Amino acid sequence: MLHRPARTVVSIVGIGIGILLIIFTVGLANGSLRERAKREANVGAQIMVRASGSLGLSGSESSRLPETLAAGIEQVEGVAVAVALAQNTVTVEDSNTGSRLIDGIDFDKYAAIAGLQIVKGRAPALTGDEAICDAAWAAQKGLQIGSPMPLYDRNFTLVGIYEPAAGARIKIPLQSMQKQLGTEGKVTAVLVKIKDGQSPDAVAEAIQAKFPDNQILLTSQLEELYMQGFPALNVFLDVVIGVAGVIAALIILLTMYTTVTERTRQIGVLKSLGMSNFNIAWTIVQESLLISIGGIAFGLVATYLLSLALERWSTLIVQIEPRVIVGILIVGIVAGIVGALYPGLKAARLDAVEALNFD
């Protein structure tokens, strides 16, 4: 490995970039989804009621529930308070995905259940082009009270910054969203906070019995639902892992093939001294495994440093799970063995006399 240090370093970095691709992509996808799910679950409610047939949690569902449903749910035994909520996804230019989820709320009612507190500015009015956002998001975007926020092809004015983060990053008056979407009197969901000592499952069953045509979700299950709600993403991540594994194997193959070619005379010397074909092949495989492990270590360190940078300068979160690291180790080791297989066999099959005469 030290005979050609530059080539060894380049090989390690090449494999490390492939490992970084796997860990960072998987970690960023999982971290972003879980962070959003935690914010959705951090609304102080134990139950979420949605219209029957609602799919996913992306804000693409239309507002179909009557706003008056909240008052009816409050009559169910065990329910402390129910708050109507509208959610919608808007197209924006300053988002990584090109879209952003926003909440339409009645601030006083929503704040009472979610525990929101305005730390700068004021609460939004019941209607009008006003918006509030959480403190972390405002810091990331460099927003101040009075900053314009382009939503629905016009500017809303940021009038308040709140803590803690709960639900969507941006919230506007419920009536403003209803008017914009032409869904006056309709909402997307109803958040339900239960009384102390009550079982969420029991209250959820009671709500389901009284309103059988609606979909009942426990907010404690939102994280799992988020992770299961993007099957295409899971397929994409599997493809990324497969491609990165192939790239690592090809880098190893190229590196070890050129290594064997350059060391043909040395291999002939080893054979003339009695070294077995297996030991020669095993030597090549050992070197490839060391390069693979070095690439894995480089990828892990690079991912960790990049995740720290993202957490410091953005609201993105990279969540590295132990099973992903185990999978990376397996992919790296398999790639090292597969990549060294042909060069190792080639080295083992060299004729000692021809190898000694190689120039």
Protein backbone atom coordinates (compact mmCIF):
# COMPACT_ATOMS: atom_id res chain seq x y z
CA MET A 1 0.00 0.00 0.00
CA LEU A 2 2.89 2.36 0.74
CA HIS A 3 4.68 1.48 -2.51
CA ARG A 4 2.24 3.75 -4.38
CA PRO A 5 0.88 6.01 -1.61
CA ALA A 6 -0.82 8.47 -3.96
CA ARG A 7 -2.75 5.70 -5.69
CA THR A 8 -3.68 4.17 -2.35
CA VAL A 9 -4.98 7.51 -1.03
CA VAL A 10 -6.96 8.15 -4.21
CA SER A 11 -8.50 4.66 -3.99
CA ILE A 12 -9.45 5.18 -0.34
CA VAL A 13 -10.97 8.57 -1.11
CA GLY A 14 -12.88 7.14 -4.10
CA ILE A 15 -14.36 4.38 -1.98
CA GLY A 16 -14.98 6.84 0.84
CA ILE A 17 -17.02 9.08 -1.45
CA GLY A 18 -19.17 6.09 -2.36
CA ILE A 19 -19.62 5.28 1.33
CA LEU A 20 -20.41 8.95 2.00
CA LEU A 21 -23.04 8.80 -0.72
CA ILE A 22 -24.74 5.87 0.98
CA ILE A 23 -24.59 7.06 4.58
CA PHE A 24 -25.33 10.71 3.87
CA THR A 25 -28.24 10.06 1.50
CA VAL A 26 -29.86 7.47 3.77
CA GLY A 27 -29.14 9.51 6.91
CA LEU A 28 -30.42 12.76 5.41
CA ALA A 29 -33.63 11.13 4.17
CA ASN A 30 -34.29 9.36 7.47
CA GLY A 31 -33.27 12.35 9.55
CA SER A 32 -35.43 14.79 7.61
CA LEU A 33 -38.48 12.52 7.74
CA ARG A 34 -38.07 11.72 11.43
CA GLU A 35 -37.46 15.37 12.32
CA ARG A 36 -40.62 16.36 10.48
CA ALA A 37 -42.57 13.54 12.10
CA LYS A 38 -41.38 14.64 15.55
CA ARG A 39 -42.49 18.21 14.83
CA GLU A 40 -45.88 16.94 13.67
CA ALA A 41 -46.18 14.88 16.86
CA ASN A 42 -44.99 17.80 19.03
CA VAL A 43 -48.33 19.59 18.85
CA GLY A 44 -49.48 18.59 22.32
CA ALA A 45 -52.25 16.37 20.94
CA GLN A 46 -52.41 12.61 21.27
CA ILE A 47 -54.90 12.02 18.45
CA MET A 48 -55.30 13.35 14.92
CA VAL A 49 -58.60 13.04 13.06
CA ARG A 50 -58.53 13.22 9.25
CA ALA A 51 -60.99 12.63 6.44
CA SER A 52 -61.57 9.04 5.43
CA GLY A 53 -59.29 7.94 2.61
CA SER A 54 -56.54 10.44 3.39
CA LEU A 55 -53.20 9.23 2.09
CA GLY A 56 -49.76 10.30 3.22
CA LEU A 57 -48.74 13.21 5.41
CA SER A 58 -47.33 15.61 2.83
CA GLY A 59 -50.00 18.31 2.93
CA SER A 60 -51.33 17.36 -0.49
CA GLU A 61 -54.73 16.32 0.85
CA SER A 62 -57.58 18.73 0.27
CA SER A 63 -59.53 20.21 3.19
CA ARG A 64 -62.61 18.00 3.46
CA LEU A 65 -63.51 17.96 7.16
CA PRO A 66 -66.07 20.46 8.42
CA GLU A 67 -64.52 22.93 10.83
CA THR A 68 -67.42 22.32 13.21
CA LEU A 69 -66.23 18.73 13.68
CA ALA A 70 -63.87 19.96 16.40
CA ALA A 71 -66.80 21.00 18.59
CA GLY A 72 -68.42 17.59 18.11
CA ILE A 73 -65.23 15.74 19.04
CA GLU A 74 -64.94 17.78 22.23
CA GLN A 75 -68.21 16.15 23.36
CA VAL A 76 -66.61 12.69 23.33
CA GLU A 77 -65.78 11.36 26.79
CA GLY A 78 -62.09 11.74 27.62
CA VAL A 79 -61.45 14.60 25.19
CA ALA A 80 -60.06 17.78 26.75
CA VAL A 81 -59.90 20.00 23.65
CA ALA A 82 -60.06 19.63 19.87
CA VAL A 83 -58.53 22.14 17.45
CA ALA A 84 -59.17 22.38 13.71
CA LEU A 85 -56.11 22.57 11.45
CA ALA A 86 -55.56 23.05 7.72
CA GLN A 87 -52.37 22.02 5.95
CA ASN A 88 -51.23 22.75 2.44
CA THR A 89 -48.04 22.41 0.41
CA VAL A 90 -46.95 25.49 -1.54
CA THR A 91 -44.31 25.91 -4.23
CA VAL A 92 -41.30 27.95 -3.11
CA GLU A 93 -37.85 28.65 -4.51
CA ASP A 94 -35.80 28.58 -1.29
CA SER A 95 -36.57 24.98 -0.36
CA ASN A 96 -34.43 21.93 -1.10
CA THR A 97 -37.49 20.14 -2.47
CA GLY A 98 -39.12 23.12 -4.20
CA SER A 99 -42.14 22.94 -1.90
CA ARG A 100 -43.00 23.72 1.70
CA LEU A 101 -45.70 22.58 4.11
CA ILE A 102 -47.59 25.35 5.90
CA ASP A 103 -50.26 25.24 8.60
CA GLY A 104 -53.46 27.24 8.66
CA ILE A 105 -54.35 27.80 12.32
CA ASP A 106 -56.42 29.79 14.76
CA PHE A 107 -53.40 30.85 16.81
CA ASP A 108 -55.03 31.13 20.23
CA LYS A 109 -56.61 27.68 20.02
CA TYR A 110 -53.57 26.05 18.44
CA ALA A 111 -51.14 27.65 20.92
CA ALA A 112 -53.23 26.43 23.83
CA ILE A 113 -52.89 22.81 22.73
CA ALA A 114 -49.33 22.93 21.33
CA GLY A 115 -47.82 25.22 23.95
CA LEU A 116 -46.53 27.77 21.42
CA GLN A 117 -45.14 31.03 22.73
CA ILE A 118 -44.32 34.09 20.66
CA VAL A 119 -40.70 35.02 21.44
CA LYS A 120 -40.50 37.90 18.95
CA GLY A 121 -43.20 40.02 17.40
CA ARG A 122 -46.84 39.12 17.87
CA ALA A 123 -49.41 36.47 17.04
CA PRO A 124 -51.06 36.62 13.60
CA ALA A 125 -54.53 38.05 13.19
CA LEU A 126 -57.51 35.83 12.44
CA THR A 127 -57.19 36.68 8.76
CA GLY A 128 -54.90 38.58 6.39
CA ASP A 129 -51.53 37.97 4.74
CA GLU A 130 -49.58 37.42 7.94
CA ALA A 131 -47.33 34.52 8.94
CA ILE A 132 -45.27 33.22 11.84
CA CYS A 133 -42.41 30.71 11.91
CA ASP A 134 -40.34 28.86 14.50
CA ALA A 135 -37.12 30.37 15.85
CA ALA A 136 -34.73 27.79 14.35
CA TRP A 137 -36.15 28.23 10.86
CA ALA A 138 -36.06 32.03 11.15
CA ALA A 139 -32.40 31.89 12.20
CA GLN A 140 -31.52 29.60 9.28
CA LYS A 141 -33.24 31.83 6.73
CA GLY A 142 -32.05 35.08 8.34
CA LEU A 143 -35.61 36.35 8.78
CA GLN A 144 -36.64 39.26 10.96
CA ILE A 145 -40.02 40.63 12.02
CA GLY A 146 -41.50 42.34 8.98
CA SER A 147 -39.64 40.17 6.45
CA PRO A 148 -41.67 39.28 3.34
CA MET A 149 -42.45 35.59 2.82
CA PRO A 150 -43.53 34.62 -0.72
CA LEU A 151 -46.52 32.28 -0.44
CA TYR A 152 -49.34 31.69 -2.93
CA ASP A 153 -47.75 34.01 -5.52
CA ARG A 154 -47.72 36.99 -3.16
CA ASN A 155 -45.84 38.16 -0.09
CA PHE A 156 -47.01 37.40 3.43
CA THR A 157 -45.49 39.45 6.25
CA LEU A 158 -43.64 37.72 9.07
CA VAL A 159 -45.24 39.12 12.21
CA GLY A 160 -44.05 36.65 14.85
CA ILE A 161 -41.46 34.01 15.76
CA TYR A 162 -42.48 31.21 18.08
CA GLU A 163 -41.03 28.35 20.12
CA PRO A 164 -40.98 25.38 20.33
CA ALA A 165 -41.07 23.97 16.79
CA ALA A 166 -44.31 22.09 16.23
CA GLY A 167 -46.06 21.10 13.04
CA ALA A 168 -45.10 22.97 9.88
CA ARG A 169 -42.35 25.57 10.02
CA ILE A 170 -44.65 28.35 8.76
CA LYS A 171 -48.16 29.08 9.99
CA ILE A 172 -50.73 31.47 8.59
CA PRO A 173 -54.29 32.32 9.71
CA LEU A 174 -56.73 29.49 9.09
CA GLN A 175 -59.23 31.80 7.42
CA SER A 176 -56.54 33.07 5.03
CA MET A 177 -55.73 29.55 3.90
CA GLN A 178 -59.40 28.63 3.57
CA LYS A 179 -60.06 31.71 1.46
CA GLN A 180 -56.99 31.04 -0.69
CA LEU A 181 -58.01 27.44 -1.37
CA GLY A 182 -61.73 28.13 -1.64
CA THR A 183 -62.46 25.80 1.30
CA GLU A 184 -64.26 28.10 3.70
CA GLY A 185 -65.50 26.15 6.71
CA LYS A 186 -63.32 23.13 5.83
CA VAL A 187 -60.11 21.85 7.44
CA THR A 188 -57.59 19.08 6.85
CA ALA A 189 -57.45 17.59 10.33
CA VAL A 190 -58.55 18.00 13.92
CA LEU A 191 -55.98 17.75 16.72
CA VAL A 192 -57.31 16.14 19.87
CA LYS A 193 -55.84 16.50 23.36
CA ILE A 194 -57.17 14.02 25.88
CA LYS A 195 -57.80 14.52 29.58
CA ASP A 196 -55.20 13.48 32.12
CA GLY A 197 -55.38 9.81 33.05
CA GLN A 198 -57.21 8.83 29.86
CA SER A 199 -55.90 6.20 27.46
CA PRO A 200 -55.24 7.50 23.92
CA ASP A 201 -56.33 4.16 22.47
CA ALA A 202 -59.61 4.17 24.38
CA VAL A 203 -60.42 7.77 23.46
CA ALA A 204 -59.47 7.09 19.84
CA GLU A 205 -61.91 4.15 19.78
CA ALA A 206 -64.64 6.35 21.24
CA ILE A 207 -64.05 9.02 18.58
CA GLN A 208 -64.05 6.36 15.87
CA ALA A 209 -67.33 4.98 17.16
CA LYS A 210 -68.99 8.41 17.11
CA PHE A 211 -67.43 9.50 13.79
CA PRO A 212 -66.93 6.23 11.89
CA ASP A 213 -66.42 7.91 8.51
CA ASN A 214 -63.18 9.59 9.58
CA GLN A 215 -59.60 8.41 9.90
CA ILE A 216 -58.15 8.32 13.42
CA LEU A 217 -54.37 8.45 13.99
CA LEU A 218 -52.32 8.47 17.18
CA THR A 219 -49.60 11.13 17.03
CA SER A 220 -47.22 8.64 18.67
CA GLN A 221 -47.45 6.63 15.45
CA LEU A 222 -46.68 9.54 13.09
CA GLU A 223 -42.96 8.79 12.89
CA GLU A 224 -43.60 5.22 11.79
CA LEU A 225 -46.27 6.38 9.33
CA TYR A 226 -43.88 8.91 7.82
CA MET A 227 -41.21 6.26 7.28
CA GLN A 228 -43.73 3.88 5.70
CA GLY A 229 -45.41 6.58 3.63
CA PHE A 230 -42.59 6.97 1.12
CA PRO A 231 -42.07 3.55 -0.52
CA ALA A 232 -40.47 5.11 -3.59
CA LEU A 233 -37.86 6.72 -1.35
CA ASN A 234 -36.92 3.34 0.11
CA VAL A 235 -36.47 1.94 -3.40
CA PHE A 236 -34.31 4.93 -4.31
CA LEU A 237 -32.13 4.43 -1.24
CA ASP A 238 -31.66 0.75 -2.08
CA VAL A 239 -30.58 1.73 -5.59
CA VAL A 240 -28.11 4.27 -4.18
CA ILE A 241 -26.62 1.62 -1.90
CA GLY A 242 -26.32 -0.82 -4.81
CA VAL A 243 -24.68 1.75 -7.11
CA ALA A 244 -22.23 2.83 -4.41
CA GLY A 245 -21.30 -0.82 -3.80
CA VAL A 246 -20.65 -1.37 -7.51
CA ILE A 247 -18.52 1.80 -7.70
CA ALA A 248 -16.45 0.65 -4.72
CA ALA A 249 -15.94 -2.79 -6.29
CA LEU A 250 -14.85 -1.24 -9.61
CA ILE A 251 -12.36 1.06 -7.86
CA ILE A 252 -10.89 -1.91 -6.00
CA LEU A 253 -10.77 -3.94 -9.23
CA LEU A 254 -8.93 -1.21 -11.10
CA THR A 255 -6.51 -0.55 -8.24
CA MET A 256 -5.62 -4.18 -7.61
CA TYR A 257 -5.41 -5.05 -11.31
CA THR A 258 -2.82 -2.33 -11.90
CA THR A 259 -1.07 -3.44 -8.70
CA VAL A 260 -0.77 -7.01 -9.96
CA THR A 261 0.49 -5.81 -13.35
CA GLU A 262 3.16 -3.64 -11.75
CA ARG A 263 4.28 -6.41 -9.38
CA THR A 264 4.47 -9.24 -11.87
CA ARG A 265 8.22 -9.67 -11.35
CA GLN A 266 7.85 -9.57 -7.54
CA ILE A 267 5.11 -12.20 -7.74
CA GLY A 268 7.45 -14.37 -9.84
CA VAL A 269 10.13 -14.03 -7.16
CA LEU A 270 7.65 -15.07 -4.45
CA LYS A 271 6.56 -18.08 -6.48
CA SER A 272 10.18 -19.13 -7.12
CA LEU A 273 10.75 -19.00 -3.37
CA GLY A 274 7.87 -21.40 -2.83
CA MET A 275 4.95 -19.14 -1.93
CA SER A 276 1.66 -20.91 -2.69
CA ASN A 277 -0.98 -19.65 -5.11
CA PHE A 278 -3.43 -19.25 -2.22
CA ASN A 279 -1.07 -17.08 -0.19
CA ILE A 280 -0.38 -14.86 -3.21
CA ALA A 281 -4.08 -14.40 -3.88
CA TRP A 282 -4.74 -13.84 -0.15
CA THR A 283 -2.08 -11.11 -0.08
CA ILE A 284 -3.90 -9.25 -2.86
CA VAL A 285 -7.24 -9.67 -1.09
CA GLN A 286 -5.76 -8.42 2.19
CA GLU A 287 -4.54 -5.24 0.54
CA SER A 288 -7.93 -4.63 -1.07
CA LEU A 289 -9.69 -5.18 2.28
CA LEU A 290 -7.39 -2.65 3.97
CA ILE A 291 -8.17 -0.13 1.22
CA SER A 292 -11.90 -0.85 1.63
CA ILE A 293 -11.77 -0.40 5.39
CA GLY A 294 -9.84 2.84 4.90
CA GLY A 295 -12.55 4.01 2.49
CA ILE A 296 -15.27 3.11 4.98
CA ALA A 297 -13.49 5.02 7.75
CA PHE A 298 -13.05 8.03 5.45
CA GLY A 299 -16.74 7.92 4.49
CA LEU A 300 -17.90 7.71 8.11
CA VAL A 301 -15.69 10.60 9.24
CA ALA A 302 -16.69 12.74 6.24
CA THR A 303 -20.38 12.05 6.88
CA TYR A 304 -20.04 12.97 10.56
CA LEU A 305 -18.27 16.25 9.77
CA LEU A 306 -20.78 17.10 7.04
CA SER A 307 -23.71 16.35 9.36
CA LEU A 308 -22.25 18.67 12.02
CA ALA A 309 -21.92 21.43 9.41
CA LEU A 310 -25.52 20.95 8.27
CA GLU A 311 -26.88 21.02 11.83
CA ARG A 312 -24.94 24.21 12.52
CA TRP A 313 -25.88 26.14 9.40
CA SER A 314 -29.26 24.64 8.50
CA THR A 315 -32.22 22.78 9.97
CA LEU A 316 -31.36 19.59 8.08
CA ILE A 317 -30.58 16.55 10.21
CA VAL A 318 -28.53 13.51 9.21
CA GLN A 319 -29.52 10.50 11.28
CA ILE A 320 -26.99 7.67 11.08
CA GLU A 321 -28.53 4.42 12.27
CA PRO A 322 -26.44 1.46 13.52
CA ARG A 323 -28.02 -0.89 10.97
CA VAL A 324 -26.90 1.42 8.16
CA ILE A 325 -23.31 1.36 9.44
CA VAL A 326 -23.44 -2.45 9.66
CA GLY A 327 -24.78 -2.54 6.11
CA ILE A 328 -21.97 -0.24 4.97
CA LEU A 329 -19.36 -2.51 6.56
CA ILE A 330 -20.85 -5.50 4.76
CA VAL A 331 -21.01 -3.64 1.43
CA GLY A 332 -17.42 -2.42 1.81
CA ILE A 333 -16.02 -5.83 2.71
CA VAL A 334 -17.94 -7.58 -0.07
CA ALA A 335 -16.83 -4.92 -2.56
CA GLY A 336 -13.22 -5.39 -1.45
CA ILE A 337 -13.37 -9.15 -1.89
CA VAL A 338 -15.21 -9.02 -5.21
CA GLY A 339 -12.94 -6.30 -6.56
CA ALA A 340 -9.81 -8.25 -5.61
CA LEU A 341 -11.09 -11.63 -6.82
CA TYR A 342 -10.01 -11.38 -10.46
CA PRO A 343 -6.66 -9.63 -9.80
CA GLY A 344 -5.91 -12.15 -7.04
CA LEU A 345 -6.64 -15.12 -9.28
CA LYS A 346 -4.61 -13.53 -12.05
CA ALA A 347 -1.65 -13.14 -9.71
CA ALA A 348 -1.99 -16.71 -8.46
CA ARG A 349 -2.04 -18.13 -11.99
CA LEU A 350 1.09 -16.32 -13.19
CA ASP A 351 3.85 -18.61 -14.39
CA ALA A 352 6.94 -18.08 -12.25
CA VAL A 353 9.37 -18.16 -15.21
CA GLU A 354 7.29 -15.75 -17.32
CA ALA A 355 6.82 -13.47 -14.32
CA LEU A 356 10.58 -13.30 -13.68
CA ASN A 357 11.16 -12.37 -17.31
CA PHE A 358 8.41 -9.70 -17.26
CA ASP A 359 9.69 -6.21 -18.09
